[in-house]
């Protein structure tokens, strides 16, 4: 009997079946309906407000009071003349028209040892020749030098010799514009 009591206790009471003639109760989502109606009304009002053609555009008073020059009754004594054009103090516009702009450069002393610029060091000579070809496309003359050291055989791509470091820097900027950023400038003995 304890077994039957346990089973009965766990059962849910059965609902009474609805008759076919009774209307089914449908719960309406009132909040959704109200929000939807408000959105539709707001959208219609927005469209109505932007489509009105009788909207007056505010015009500044200065534009409203302006009349053609023939209708104005002002005398020429009231008008002040324009000031003279200022005198230009700089000469660069004239220099630019002629295409000659001179820059004062500090004189550099010639270096005791020449500068060389190394743009790459490769194990294979074909890679060094490719780098040399890229530099030649930029109008720069380079050399491939073979060097043997404790790390083995290397092919170095060098430019120069340069008497002034400024000249080497100018060439390095040209090389950097094509995406080669590995060039180093050193004192080297030839």
N, C-alpha and C. Protein backbone atom coordinates (compact mmCIF):
# COMPACT_ATOMS: atom_id res chain seq x y z
N UNK A 1 0.80 -1.18 0.00
CA UNK A 1 0.00 0.00 0.00
C UNK A 1 0.85 1.26 0.00
N UNK A 2 1.94 1.23 0.61
CA UNK A 2 2.81 2.39 0.61
C UNK A 2 3.22 2.72 -0.81
N UNK A 3 3.27 1.67 -1.58
CA UNK A 3 3.66 1.87 -2.97
C UNK A 3 2.57 2.63 -3.72
N UNK A 4 1.33 2.34 -3.50
CA UNK A 4 0.22 3.01 -4.16
C UNK A 4 0.13 4.47 -3.73
N UNK A 5 0.36 4.73 -2.45
CA UNK A 5 0.29 6.12 -1.98
C UNK A 5 1.38 6.97 -2.65
N UNK A 6 2.50 6.42 -2.83
CA UNK A 6 3.62 7.15 -3.45
C UNK A 6 3.28 7.48 -4.90
N UNK A 7 2.66 6.56 -5.60
CA UNK A 7 2.30 6.77 -6.99
C UNK A 7 1.21 7.81 -7.10
N UNK A 8 0.23 7.78 -6.25
CA UNK A 8 -0.87 8.72 -6.30
C UNK A 8 -0.40 10.13 -5.99
N UNK A 9 0.50 10.22 -5.08
CA UNK A 9 0.98 11.54 -4.69
C UNK A 9 1.71 12.25 -5.85
N UNK A 10 2.35 11.55 -6.75
CA UNK A 10 3.11 12.14 -7.83
C UNK A 10 2.28 12.49 -9.04
N UNK A 11 1.02 12.14 -9.09
CA UNK A 11 0.20 12.39 -10.26
C UNK A 11 -0.36 13.81 -10.23
N UNK A 12 -0.47 14.41 -11.43
CA UNK A 12 -1.03 15.75 -11.58
C UNK A 12 -2.51 15.58 -11.88
N UNK A 13 -3.36 16.38 -11.25
CA UNK A 13 -4.80 16.24 -11.53
C UNK A 13 -5.08 16.57 -13.00
N UNK A 14 -5.95 15.84 -13.58
CA UNK A 14 -6.30 16.01 -14.98
C UNK A 14 -7.22 17.21 -15.13
N UNK A 15 -7.03 17.96 -16.27
CA UNK A 15 -7.88 19.11 -16.56
C UNK A 15 -9.15 18.61 -17.22
N UNK A 16 -10.18 19.38 -17.01
CA UNK A 16 -11.45 19.02 -17.64
C UNK A 16 -11.38 19.38 -19.11
N UNK A 17 -11.81 18.52 -19.97
CA UNK A 17 -11.80 18.84 -21.40
C UNK A 17 -12.79 19.95 -21.71
N UNK A 18 -12.38 20.86 -22.66
CA UNK A 18 -13.26 21.95 -23.03
C UNK A 18 -14.26 21.44 -24.05
N UNK A 19 -15.40 21.99 -23.97
CA UNK A 19 -16.43 21.57 -24.92
C UNK A 19 -16.16 22.26 -26.25
N UNK A 20 -16.68 21.70 -27.31
CA UNK A 20 -16.44 22.22 -28.65
C UNK A 20 -17.12 23.56 -28.87
N UNK A 21 -18.16 23.83 -28.17
CA UNK A 21 -18.91 25.07 -28.35
C UNK A 21 -18.29 26.24 -27.59
N UNK A 22 -17.48 25.97 -26.61
CA UNK A 22 -16.89 27.03 -25.79
C UNK A 22 -15.76 27.69 -26.58
N UNK A 23 -15.70 29.03 -26.58
CA UNK A 23 -14.63 29.72 -27.32
C UNK A 23 -13.29 29.52 -26.62
N UNK A 24 -12.23 29.43 -27.43
CA UNK A 24 -10.89 29.25 -26.87
C UNK A 24 -10.40 30.61 -26.37
N UNK A 25 -9.79 30.60 -25.22
CA UNK A 25 -9.27 31.84 -24.65
C UNK A 25 -7.87 32.09 -25.21
N UNK A 26 -7.72 33.24 -25.87
CA UNK A 26 -6.43 33.61 -26.44
C UNK A 26 -5.93 34.82 -25.68
N UNK A 27 -4.73 34.71 -25.17
CA UNK A 27 -4.13 35.83 -24.46
C UNK A 27 -3.44 36.72 -25.48
N UNK A 28 -3.82 37.96 -25.53
CA UNK A 28 -3.21 38.90 -26.46
C UNK A 28 -2.00 39.55 -25.80
N UNK A 29 -0.92 39.73 -26.56
CA UNK A 29 0.24 40.44 -26.02
C UNK A 29 0.01 41.95 -26.09
N UNK A 30 -0.66 42.50 -25.12
CA UNK A 30 -1.09 43.90 -25.13
C UNK A 30 0.10 44.86 -25.22
N UNK A 31 1.17 44.53 -24.57
CA UNK A 31 2.32 45.44 -24.59
C UNK A 31 2.89 45.55 -25.99
N UNK A 32 2.98 44.45 -26.68
CA UNK A 32 3.49 44.47 -28.05
C UNK A 32 2.56 45.24 -28.98
N UNK A 33 1.29 45.08 -28.80
CA UNK A 33 0.33 45.78 -29.65
C UNK A 33 0.43 47.29 -29.42
N UNK A 34 0.52 47.71 -28.17
CA UNK A 34 0.60 49.14 -27.85
C UNK A 34 1.89 49.74 -28.41
N UNK A 35 3.02 49.06 -28.25
CA UNK A 35 4.31 49.56 -28.74
C UNK A 35 4.28 49.64 -30.27
N UNK A 36 3.71 48.65 -30.93
CA UNK A 36 3.63 48.65 -32.39
C UNK A 36 2.78 49.81 -32.89
N UNK A 37 1.62 50.02 -32.25
CA UNK A 37 0.74 51.12 -32.66
C UNK A 37 1.45 52.46 -32.46
N UNK A 38 2.15 52.63 -31.34
CA UNK A 38 2.86 53.88 -31.09
C UNK A 38 3.97 54.10 -32.13
N UNK A 39 4.68 53.07 -32.49
CA UNK A 39 5.72 53.20 -33.50
C UNK A 39 5.14 53.58 -34.86
N UNK A 40 4.03 52.96 -35.24
CA UNK A 40 3.40 53.27 -36.52
C UNK A 40 2.91 54.71 -36.53
N UNK A 41 2.27 55.14 -35.45
CA UNK A 41 1.78 56.52 -35.37
C UNK A 41 2.96 57.50 -35.40
N UNK A 42 4.03 57.21 -34.69
CA UNK A 42 5.20 58.08 -34.70
C UNK A 42 5.83 58.17 -36.08
N UNK A 43 5.89 57.06 -36.80
CA UNK A 43 6.47 57.06 -38.14
C UNK A 43 5.61 57.88 -39.11
N UNK A 44 4.28 57.71 -39.01
CA UNK A 44 3.38 58.48 -39.87
C UNK A 44 3.52 59.97 -39.57
N UNK A 45 3.61 60.35 -38.29
CA UNK A 45 3.79 61.76 -37.93
C UNK A 45 5.11 62.30 -38.48
N UNK A 46 6.17 61.51 -38.40
CA UNK A 46 7.48 61.92 -38.94
C UNK A 46 7.39 62.17 -40.44
N UNK A 47 6.78 61.25 -41.17
CA UNK A 47 6.63 61.44 -42.61
C UNK A 47 5.79 62.66 -42.93
N UNK A 48 4.73 62.88 -42.17
CA UNK A 48 3.87 64.05 -42.40
C UNK A 48 4.64 65.35 -42.13
N UNK A 49 5.47 65.35 -41.08
CA UNK A 49 6.18 66.58 -40.74
C UNK A 49 7.26 66.93 -41.75
N UNK A 50 7.89 65.95 -42.38
CA UNK A 50 8.92 66.28 -43.36
C UNK A 50 8.35 66.54 -44.74
N UNK A 51 7.11 66.14 -44.98
CA UNK A 51 6.53 66.34 -46.30
C UNK A 51 5.71 67.61 -46.40
N UNK A 52 5.57 68.36 -45.35
CA UNK A 52 4.79 69.60 -45.40
C UNK A 52 5.49 70.60 -46.31
N UNK A 53 4.73 71.23 -47.18
CA UNK A 53 5.31 72.21 -48.10
C UNK A 53 5.10 73.63 -47.62
N UNK A 54 4.30 73.83 -46.60
CA UNK A 54 4.04 75.18 -46.13
C UNK A 54 5.00 75.60 -45.02
N UNK A 55 6.10 74.90 -44.88
CA UNK A 55 7.08 75.24 -43.86
C UNK A 55 7.81 76.50 -44.29
N UNK A 56 7.89 77.46 -43.41
CA UNK A 56 8.60 78.69 -43.70
C UNK A 56 10.06 78.52 -43.34
N UNK A 57 10.92 78.90 -44.27
CA UNK A 57 12.36 78.83 -44.04
C UNK A 57 12.78 80.16 -43.47
N UNK A 58 13.50 80.10 -42.36
CA UNK A 58 13.92 81.35 -41.74
C UNK A 58 15.04 81.96 -42.57
N UNK A 59 14.88 83.24 -42.89
CA UNK A 59 15.85 83.96 -43.69
C UNK A 59 16.48 85.01 -42.79
N UNK A 60 17.79 85.12 -42.78
CA UNK A 60 18.42 86.14 -41.94
C UNK A 60 17.95 87.53 -42.34
N UNK A 61 17.94 88.44 -41.38
CA UNK A 61 17.45 89.79 -41.61
C UNK A 61 18.29 90.52 -42.65
N UNK A 62 19.57 90.24 -42.70
CA UNK A 62 20.44 90.93 -43.65
C UNK A 62 20.04 90.60 -45.08
N UNK A 63 19.61 89.37 -45.34
CA UNK A 63 19.21 88.98 -46.68
C UNK A 63 17.87 89.61 -47.02
N UNK A 64 16.95 89.66 -46.04
CA UNK A 64 15.64 90.25 -46.29
C UNK A 64 15.74 91.73 -46.58
N UNK A 65 16.61 92.43 -45.87
CA UNK A 65 16.71 93.87 -46.03
C UNK A 65 17.54 94.28 -47.23
N UNK A 66 18.25 93.34 -47.84
CA UNK A 66 19.08 93.67 -48.99
C UNK A 66 18.19 93.96 -50.19
N UNK A 67 18.51 95.05 -50.87
CA UNK A 67 17.78 95.40 -52.07
C UNK A 67 18.78 95.62 -53.18
N UNK A 68 18.36 95.62 -54.40
CA UNK A 68 19.30 95.84 -55.49
C UNK A 68 19.98 97.20 -55.37
N UNK A 69 21.16 97.35 -55.99
CA UNK A 69 21.96 98.57 -55.87
C UNK A 69 21.24 99.78 -56.44
N UNK A 70 20.38 99.57 -57.42
CA UNK A 70 19.67 100.71 -58.01
C UNK A 70 18.65 101.29 -57.05
N UNK A 71 18.12 100.50 -56.15
CA UNK A 71 17.11 100.98 -55.22
C UNK A 71 17.71 101.60 -53.98
N UNK A 72 18.96 101.33 -53.69
CA UNK A 72 19.56 101.87 -52.48
C UNK A 72 19.86 103.34 -52.68
N UNK A 73 19.64 104.10 -51.65
CA UNK A 73 19.85 105.55 -51.71
C UNK A 73 21.04 105.94 -50.86
N UNK A 74 22.17 105.28 -51.06
CA UNK A 74 23.36 105.62 -50.30
C UNK A 74 24.26 106.47 -51.15
N UNK A 75 25.00 107.30 -50.51
CA UNK A 75 25.92 108.16 -51.25
C UNK A 75 27.29 107.51 -51.30
N UNK A 76 28.10 107.95 -52.25
CA UNK A 76 29.45 107.39 -52.39
C UNK A 76 30.37 107.91 -51.31
N UNK A 77 29.97 108.94 -50.57
CA UNK A 77 30.79 109.47 -49.50
C UNK A 77 30.85 108.51 -48.30
N UNK A 78 29.82 107.67 -48.12
CA UNK A 78 29.76 106.77 -46.97
C UNK A 78 30.64 105.53 -47.16
N UNK A 79 31.04 105.23 -48.39
CA UNK A 79 31.79 104.00 -48.66
C UNK A 79 33.28 104.27 -48.48
N UNK A 80 33.92 103.42 -47.67
CA UNK A 80 35.35 103.55 -47.44
C UNK A 80 36.10 102.75 -48.50
N UNK A 81 37.20 103.28 -49.02
CA UNK A 81 37.96 102.52 -50.03
C UNK A 81 38.70 101.36 -49.39
N UNK A 82 38.98 100.35 -50.19
CA UNK A 82 39.70 99.19 -49.69
C UNK A 82 41.16 99.55 -49.42
N UNK A 83 41.77 98.93 -48.43
CA UNK A 83 43.18 99.23 -48.17
C UNK A 83 44.07 98.67 -49.28
N UNK A 84 45.27 99.23 -49.41
CA UNK A 84 46.22 98.76 -50.41
C UNK A 84 46.70 97.36 -50.07
N UNK A 85 47.08 96.62 -51.11
CA UNK A 85 47.60 95.28 -50.90
C UNK A 85 48.91 95.36 -50.13
N UNK A 86 49.11 94.49 -49.16
CA UNK A 86 50.37 94.52 -48.42
C UNK A 86 51.53 94.10 -49.31
N UNK A 87 52.69 94.65 -49.03
CA UNK A 87 53.88 94.31 -49.80
C UNK A 87 54.43 93.00 -49.28
N UNK A 88 54.72 92.09 -50.19
CA UNK A 88 55.20 90.78 -49.80
C UNK A 88 56.66 90.85 -49.39
N UNK A 89 56.95 90.27 -48.26
CA UNK A 89 58.31 90.32 -47.72
C UNK A 89 59.17 89.16 -48.17
N UNK A 90 58.56 88.15 -48.73
CA UNK A 90 59.30 86.94 -49.07
C UNK A 90 59.54 86.88 -50.57
N UNK A 91 60.63 86.23 -50.94
CA UNK A 91 60.97 86.13 -52.35
C UNK A 91 60.73 84.73 -52.92
N UNK A 92 60.27 83.81 -52.10
CA UNK A 92 60.15 82.44 -52.60
C UNK A 92 59.12 82.27 -53.70
N UNK A 93 58.02 83.05 -53.76
CA UNK A 93 57.12 82.84 -54.91
C UNK A 93 57.79 83.14 -56.24
N UNK A 94 58.62 84.18 -56.29
CA UNK A 94 59.33 84.48 -57.52
C UNK A 94 60.34 83.39 -57.84
N UNK A 95 61.01 82.89 -56.83
CA UNK A 95 62.00 81.83 -57.05
C UNK A 95 61.33 80.56 -57.54
N UNK A 96 60.13 80.28 -57.00
CA UNK A 96 59.43 79.07 -57.44
C UNK A 96 58.95 79.20 -58.88
N UNK A 97 58.60 80.42 -59.30
CA UNK A 97 58.16 80.60 -60.69
C UNK A 97 59.29 80.27 -61.66
N UNK A 98 60.50 80.61 -61.27
CA UNK A 98 61.65 80.35 -62.14
C UNK A 98 62.23 78.96 -61.94
N UNK A 99 61.82 78.26 -60.90
CA UNK A 99 62.27 76.89 -60.67
C UNK A 99 63.63 76.79 -60.02
N UNK A 100 64.17 77.88 -59.52
CA UNK A 100 65.48 77.83 -58.88
C UNK A 100 65.35 78.22 -57.42
N UNK A 101 65.55 77.27 -56.55
CA UNK A 101 65.55 77.53 -55.13
C UNK A 101 66.90 77.10 -54.60
N UNK A 102 67.60 78.04 -54.02
CA UNK A 102 68.93 77.73 -53.50
C UNK A 102 68.84 77.58 -51.99
N UNK A 103 69.50 76.57 -51.49
CA UNK A 103 69.51 76.28 -50.07
C UNK A 103 70.93 76.45 -49.57
N UNK A 104 71.06 77.14 -48.46
CA UNK A 104 72.38 77.30 -47.87
C UNK A 104 72.76 75.98 -47.20
N UNK A 105 73.85 75.39 -47.64
CA UNK A 105 74.34 74.15 -47.04
C UNK A 105 75.64 74.45 -46.31
N UNK A 106 75.73 73.83 -45.18
CA UNK A 106 76.98 73.95 -44.45
C UNK A 106 78.05 73.13 -45.19
N UNK A 107 79.19 73.69 -45.28
CA UNK A 107 80.29 72.97 -45.91
C UNK A 107 80.75 71.85 -44.99
N UNK A 108 80.89 70.70 -45.56
CA UNK A 108 81.36 69.55 -44.79
C UNK A 108 82.82 69.30 -45.12
N UNK A 109 83.47 68.78 -44.14
CA UNK A 109 84.85 68.40 -44.38
C UNK A 109 84.87 67.00 -44.97
N UNK A 110 85.76 66.83 -45.90
CA UNK A 110 85.89 65.53 -46.53
C UNK A 110 86.45 64.54 -45.52
N UNK A 111 85.85 63.36 -45.49
CA UNK A 111 86.25 62.34 -44.53
C UNK A 111 87.62 61.77 -44.90
N UNK A 112 88.35 61.36 -43.88
CA UNK A 112 89.66 60.74 -44.11
C UNK A 112 89.49 59.39 -44.79
N UNK A 113 88.47 58.66 -44.35
CA UNK A 113 88.18 57.36 -44.96
C UNK A 113 86.83 57.48 -45.68
N UNK A 114 86.64 56.74 -46.77
CA UNK A 114 85.38 56.85 -47.52
C UNK A 114 84.25 56.10 -46.81
N UNK A 115 83.05 56.52 -47.11
CA UNK A 115 81.86 55.83 -46.62
C UNK A 115 81.42 54.83 -47.67
N UNK A 116 81.00 53.67 -47.22
CA UNK A 116 80.36 52.68 -48.08
C UNK A 116 79.02 52.33 -47.47
N UNK A 117 78.06 52.01 -48.32
CA UNK A 117 76.74 51.63 -47.84
C UNK A 117 76.47 50.20 -48.25
N UNK A 118 76.22 49.35 -47.27
CA UNK A 118 75.91 47.94 -47.54
C UNK A 118 74.40 47.77 -47.44
N UNK A 119 73.82 47.23 -48.51
CA UNK A 119 72.37 47.05 -48.55
C UNK A 119 71.93 45.59 -48.44
N UNK A 120 72.87 44.69 -48.36
CA UNK A 120 72.49 43.30 -48.21
C UNK A 120 73.70 42.40 -48.16
N UNK A 121 73.51 41.25 -47.51
CA UNK A 121 74.56 40.26 -47.43
C UNK A 121 73.87 38.90 -47.60
N UNK A 122 74.28 38.16 -48.64
CA UNK A 122 73.56 36.95 -49.01
C UNK A 122 74.51 35.77 -49.13
N UNK A 123 73.97 34.57 -48.92
CA UNK A 123 74.74 33.33 -49.09
C UNK A 123 74.86 32.96 -50.57
N UNK A 124 73.84 33.31 -51.37
CA UNK A 124 73.84 32.94 -52.78
C UNK A 124 74.09 34.19 -53.62
N UNK A 125 74.89 34.05 -54.64
CA UNK A 125 75.21 35.19 -55.50
C UNK A 125 73.98 35.64 -56.29
N UNK A 126 73.07 34.73 -56.60
CA UNK A 126 71.87 35.12 -57.36
C UNK A 126 71.01 36.11 -56.57
N UNK A 127 70.94 35.91 -55.25
CA UNK A 127 70.17 36.85 -54.42
C UNK A 127 70.84 38.23 -54.41
N UNK A 128 72.16 38.24 -54.35
CA UNK A 128 72.89 39.51 -54.37
C UNK A 128 72.70 40.21 -55.71
N UNK A 129 72.68 39.45 -56.80
CA UNK A 129 72.47 40.05 -58.11
C UNK A 129 71.06 40.62 -58.26
N UNK A 130 70.08 39.97 -57.63
CA UNK A 130 68.71 40.51 -57.65
C UNK A 130 68.65 41.86 -56.93
N UNK A 131 69.31 41.96 -55.78
CA UNK A 131 69.35 43.22 -55.04
C UNK A 131 70.06 44.29 -55.87
N UNK A 132 71.12 43.91 -56.51
CA UNK A 132 71.87 44.87 -57.35
C UNK A 132 71.00 45.37 -58.49
N UNK A 133 70.18 44.49 -59.07
CA UNK A 133 69.27 44.89 -60.16
C UNK A 133 68.21 45.87 -59.65
N UNK A 134 67.67 45.65 -58.44
CA UNK A 134 66.70 46.58 -57.87
C UNK A 134 67.31 47.96 -57.67
N UNK A 135 68.55 47.98 -57.23
CA UNK A 135 69.23 49.27 -57.03
C UNK A 135 69.51 49.94 -58.36
N UNK A 136 69.83 49.16 -59.39
CA UNK A 136 70.09 49.72 -60.71
C UNK A 136 68.82 50.34 -61.29
N UNK A 137 67.66 49.77 -60.97
CA UNK A 137 66.39 50.32 -61.44
C UNK A 137 66.13 51.70 -60.83
N UNK A 138 66.75 52.00 -59.71
CA UNK A 138 66.62 53.31 -59.07
C UNK A 138 67.71 54.28 -59.52
N UNK A 139 68.56 53.83 -60.42
CA UNK A 139 69.61 54.69 -60.93
C UNK A 139 70.86 54.72 -60.07
N UNK A 140 71.02 53.72 -59.21
CA UNK A 140 72.18 53.66 -58.33
C UNK A 140 73.10 52.52 -58.75
N UNK A 141 74.37 52.82 -58.79
CA UNK A 141 75.34 51.80 -59.18
C UNK A 141 75.87 51.11 -57.93
N UNK A 142 75.78 49.80 -57.92
CA UNK A 142 76.24 49.03 -56.77
C UNK A 142 77.20 47.94 -57.23
N UNK A 143 77.83 47.30 -56.26
CA UNK A 143 78.78 46.23 -56.53
C UNK A 143 78.43 45.04 -55.65
N UNK A 144 78.75 43.86 -56.14
CA UNK A 144 78.62 42.65 -55.33
C UNK A 144 80.03 42.23 -54.97
N UNK A 145 80.31 42.21 -53.68
CA UNK A 145 81.65 41.83 -53.22
C UNK A 145 81.57 40.49 -52.50
N UNK A 146 82.50 39.66 -52.83
CA UNK A 146 82.58 38.34 -52.21
C UNK A 146 83.49 38.45 -50.99
N UNK A 147 83.02 37.92 -49.87
CA UNK A 147 83.86 37.96 -48.67
C UNK A 147 83.75 36.61 -47.95
N UNK A 148 84.92 36.14 -47.51
CA UNK A 148 84.97 34.89 -46.76
C UNK A 148 85.38 35.21 -45.34
N UNK A 149 84.65 34.65 -44.42
CA UNK A 149 84.94 34.88 -43.01
C UNK A 149 84.77 33.62 -42.23
N UNK A 150 84.75 33.76 -40.92
CA UNK A 150 84.60 32.56 -40.09
C UNK A 150 83.21 31.94 -40.23
N UNK A 151 82.22 32.70 -40.73
CA UNK A 151 80.87 32.18 -40.92
C UNK A 151 80.65 31.63 -42.33
N UNK A 152 81.67 31.62 -43.15
CA UNK A 152 81.54 31.07 -44.48
C UNK A 152 81.57 32.15 -45.55
N UNK A 153 81.09 31.81 -46.72
CA UNK A 153 81.12 32.68 -47.89
C UNK A 153 79.86 33.55 -47.93
N UNK A 154 80.06 34.88 -48.12
CA UNK A 154 78.96 35.84 -48.20
C UNK A 154 79.16 36.71 -49.42
N UNK A 155 78.02 37.14 -50.00
CA UNK A 155 78.03 38.08 -51.11
C UNK A 155 77.35 39.35 -50.62
N UNK A 156 78.13 40.43 -50.55
CA UNK A 156 77.65 41.70 -50.00
C UNK A 156 77.37 42.67 -51.14
N UNK A 157 76.22 43.36 -51.05
CA UNK A 157 75.85 44.37 -52.03
C UNK A 157 76.18 45.72 -51.42
N UNK A 158 77.13 46.44 -52.03
CA UNK A 158 77.58 47.72 -51.47
C UNK A 158 77.49 48.82 -52.52
N UNK A 159 77.30 50.04 -52.04
CA UNK A 159 77.31 51.24 -52.87
C UNK A 159 78.41 52.14 -52.36
N UNK A 160 79.00 52.88 -53.26
CA UNK A 160 80.01 53.83 -52.84
C UNK A 160 81.30 53.60 -53.60
N UNK A 161 82.32 54.22 -53.20
CA UNK A 161 82.57 54.98 -51.98
C UNK A 161 81.99 56.40 -52.07
N UNK A 162 81.63 56.94 -50.91
CA UNK A 162 81.10 58.29 -50.78
C UNK A 162 82.13 59.13 -50.01
N UNK A 163 82.39 60.33 -50.50
CA UNK A 163 83.29 61.23 -49.78
C UNK A 163 82.58 61.87 -48.59
N UNK A 164 81.26 62.09 -48.72
CA UNK A 164 80.48 62.73 -47.66
C UNK A 164 79.34 61.81 -47.23
N UNK A 165 79.09 61.79 -45.95
CA UNK A 165 78.01 60.95 -45.43
C UNK A 165 76.66 61.44 -45.93
N UNK A 166 76.52 62.73 -46.16
CA UNK A 166 75.27 63.30 -46.64
C UNK A 166 74.88 62.69 -47.99
N UNK A 167 75.84 62.45 -48.85
CA UNK A 167 75.55 61.84 -50.14
C UNK A 167 75.06 60.40 -49.97
N UNK A 168 75.67 59.69 -49.04
CA UNK A 168 75.23 58.31 -48.77
C UNK A 168 73.81 58.31 -48.20
N UNK A 169 73.51 59.27 -47.33
CA UNK A 169 72.16 59.37 -46.75
C UNK A 169 71.12 59.66 -47.83
N UNK A 170 71.47 60.52 -48.78
CA UNK A 170 70.54 60.84 -49.87
C UNK A 170 70.22 59.59 -50.69
N UNK A 171 71.23 58.78 -50.98
CA UNK A 171 70.99 57.53 -51.71
C UNK A 171 70.18 56.54 -50.88
N UNK A 172 70.41 56.52 -49.58
CA UNK A 172 69.66 55.60 -48.72
C UNK A 172 68.17 55.97 -48.71
N UNK A 173 67.85 57.26 -48.74
CA UNK A 173 66.45 57.68 -48.78
C UNK A 173 65.78 57.25 -50.09
N UNK A 174 66.52 57.31 -51.18
CA UNK A 174 65.99 56.83 -52.46
C UNK A 174 65.69 55.34 -52.38
N UNK A 175 66.59 54.59 -51.77
CA UNK A 175 66.44 53.14 -51.65
C UNK A 175 65.28 52.79 -50.72
N UNK A 176 65.09 53.55 -49.65
CA UNK A 176 64.01 53.28 -48.72
C UNK A 176 62.64 53.48 -49.35
N UNK A 177 62.53 54.36 -50.32
CA UNK A 177 61.24 54.60 -50.99
C UNK A 177 60.76 53.39 -51.76
N UNK A 178 61.66 52.49 -52.17
CA UNK A 178 61.24 51.27 -52.88
C UNK A 178 61.12 50.08 -51.95
N UNK A 179 61.26 50.31 -50.65
CA UNK A 179 61.03 49.24 -49.68
C UNK A 179 62.25 48.49 -49.22
N UNK A 180 63.42 48.98 -49.52
CA UNK A 180 64.65 48.33 -49.04
C UNK A 180 65.15 49.15 -47.87
N UNK A 181 64.97 48.64 -46.68
CA UNK A 181 65.33 49.40 -45.49
C UNK A 181 66.52 48.84 -44.73
N UNK A 182 67.26 47.97 -45.35
CA UNK A 182 68.35 47.29 -44.63
C UNK A 182 69.72 47.90 -44.89
N UNK A 183 69.79 49.05 -45.54
CA UNK A 183 71.09 49.64 -45.89
C UNK A 183 71.74 50.30 -44.69
N UNK A 184 73.03 50.04 -44.52
CA UNK A 184 73.81 50.61 -43.42
C UNK A 184 75.01 51.35 -43.99
N UNK A 185 75.36 52.49 -43.38
CA UNK A 185 76.47 53.31 -43.83
C UNK A 185 77.60 53.16 -42.82
N UNK A 186 78.81 52.82 -43.33
CA UNK A 186 79.98 52.62 -42.47
C UNK A 186 81.21 53.21 -43.12
N UNK A 187 82.22 53.42 -42.27
CA UNK A 187 83.57 53.69 -42.80
C UNK A 187 84.14 52.36 -43.23
N UNK A 188 84.63 52.28 -44.41
CA UNK A 188 85.24 51.04 -44.86
C UNK A 188 86.54 51.36 -45.58
N UNK A 189 87.46 50.50 -45.42
CA UNK A 189 88.70 50.62 -46.18
C UNK A 189 88.55 49.84 -47.47
N UNK A 190 88.98 50.46 -48.54
CA UNK A 190 88.84 49.78 -49.86
C UNK A 190 89.97 48.83 -50.11
